[in-house]
Amino acid sequence: MKTIPGKKKKVAPVVRRKPFDKVEEQTKIKIVEEIKTGMTSCLGATRKYRVQGIR
């Protein structure tokens, strides 16, 4: 890829993500049950419930 002298590259703006939410104990149990039964994956639960990586 050639660069043209005098042209500046466009820089994508920095987008800040929302912080992860605090999760109650009952919600944690619900998430684990959904993963165990195969209703959702770990990544799916992370996105659905806005929690940090479940392993």
C-alpha atoms as a PDB file:
ATOM      1  CA  MET A   1       0.000   0.000   0.000  1.00  0.00           C
ATOM      2  CA  LYS A   2       1.538   3.264  -1.083  1.00  0.00           C
ATOM      3  CA  THR A   3       1.278   6.421   0.925  1.00  0.00           C
ATOM      4  CA  ILE A   4       0.835   9.728  -0.786  1.00  0.00           C
ATOM      5  CA  PRO A   5       3.113  12.476   0.545  1.00  0.00           C
ATOM      6  CA  GLY A   6       1.177  15.291   2.178  1.00  0.00           C
ATOM      7  CA  LYS A   7      -1.916  13.175   2.874  1.00  0.00           C
ATOM      8  CA  LYS A   8      -2.700  12.300   6.472  1.00  0.00           C
ATOM      9  CA  LYS A   9      -4.256   9.027   7.533  1.00  0.00           C
ATOM     10  CA  LYS A  10      -7.674   9.219   9.135  1.00  0.00           C
ATOM     11  CA  VAL A  11      -7.620   8.188  12.755  1.00  0.00           C
ATOM     12  CA  ALA A  12     -10.663   6.482  14.253  1.00  0.00           C
ATOM     13  CA  PRO A  13     -12.075   8.275  17.292  1.00  0.00           C
ATOM     14  CA  VAL A  14     -11.590   6.607  20.659  1.00  0.00           C
ATOM     15  CA  VAL A  15     -14.844   5.071  21.839  1.00  0.00           C
ATOM     16  CA  ARG A  16     -15.055   4.350  25.518  1.00  0.00           C
ATOM     17  CA  ARG A  17     -17.014   1.300  26.589  1.00  0.00           C
ATOM     18  CA  LYS A  18     -19.464   1.295  29.431  1.00  0.00           C
ATOM     19  CA  PRO A  19     -18.043  -0.309  32.567  1.00  0.00           C
ATOM     20  CA  PHE A  20     -19.230  -3.773  33.491  1.00  0.00           C
ATOM     21  CA  ASP A  21     -22.136  -3.847  35.926  1.00  0.00           C
ATOM     22  CA  LYS A  22     -22.100  -5.339  39.413  1.00  0.00           C
ATOM     23  CA  VAL A  23     -23.966  -8.647  39.504  1.00  0.00           C
ATOM     24  CA  GLU A  24     -26.131  -9.962  42.335  1.00  0.00           C
ATOM     25  CA  GLU A  25     -25.666 -13.483  43.678  1.00  0.00           C
ATOM     26  CA  GLN A  26     -28.991 -14.724  42.231  1.00  0.00           C
ATOM     27  CA  THR A  27     -28.029 -13.450  38.788  1.00  0.00           C
ATOM     28  CA  LYS A  28     -24.675 -15.216  39.015  1.00  0.00           C
ATOM     29  CA  ILE A  29     -26.440 -18.494  39.777  1.00  0.00           C
ATOM     30  CA  LYS A  30     -28.814 -17.950  36.847  1.00  0.00           C
ATOM     31  CA  ILE A  31     -25.881 -17.292  34.488  1.00  0.00           C
ATOM     32  CA  VAL A  32     -24.053 -20.438  35.604  1.00  0.00           C
ATOM     33  CA  GLU A  33     -27.212 -22.545  35.159  1.00  0.00           C
ATOM     34  CA  GLU A  34     -27.724 -21.200  31.626  1.00  0.00           C
ATOM     35  CA  ILE A  35     -24.136 -22.090  30.717  1.00  0.00           C
ATOM     36  CA  LYS A  36     -24.369 -25.571  32.312  1.00  0.00           C
ATOM     37  CA  THR A  37     -27.595 -26.430  30.480  1.00  0.00           C
ATOM     38  CA  GLY A  38     -26.202 -25.188  27.185  1.00  0.00           C
ATOM     39  CA  MET A  39     -28.714 -22.362  26.750  1.00  0.00           C
ATOM     40  CA  THR A  40     -25.846 -19.925  26.211  1.00  0.00           C
ATOM     41  CA  SER A  41     -22.066 -19.933  25.917  1.00  0.00           C
ATOM     42  CA  CYS A  42     -19.635 -18.131  28.199  1.00  0.00           C
ATOM     43  CA  LEU A  43     -19.121 -15.429  25.594  1.00  0.00           C
ATOM     44  CA  GLY A  44     -22.870 -15.148  25.043  1.00  0.00           C
ATOM     45  CA  ALA A  45     -23.499 -14.747  28.773  1.00  0.00           C
ATOM     46  CA  THR A  46     -20.778 -12.123  28.980  1.00  0.00           C
ATOM     47  CA  ARG A  47     -22.494 -10.070  26.312  1.00  0.00           C
ATOM     48  CA  LYS A  48     -26.056 -10.722  27.494  1.00  0.00           C
ATOM     49  CA  TYR A  49     -25.504  -9.881  31.152  1.00  0.00           C
ATOM     50  CA  ARG A  50     -22.689  -7.322  30.681  1.00  0.00           C
ATOM     51  CA  VAL A  51     -20.320  -9.140  33.019  1.00  0.00           C
ATOM     52  CA  GLN A  52     -16.611  -9.612  32.699  1.00  0.00           C
ATOM     53  CA  GLY A  53     -15.325 -12.894  31.233  1.00  0.00           C
ATOM     54  CA  ILE A  54     -16.861 -15.966  32.791  1.00  0.00           C
ATOM     55  CA  ARG A  55     -14.664 -19.051  32.903  1.00  0.00           C
END
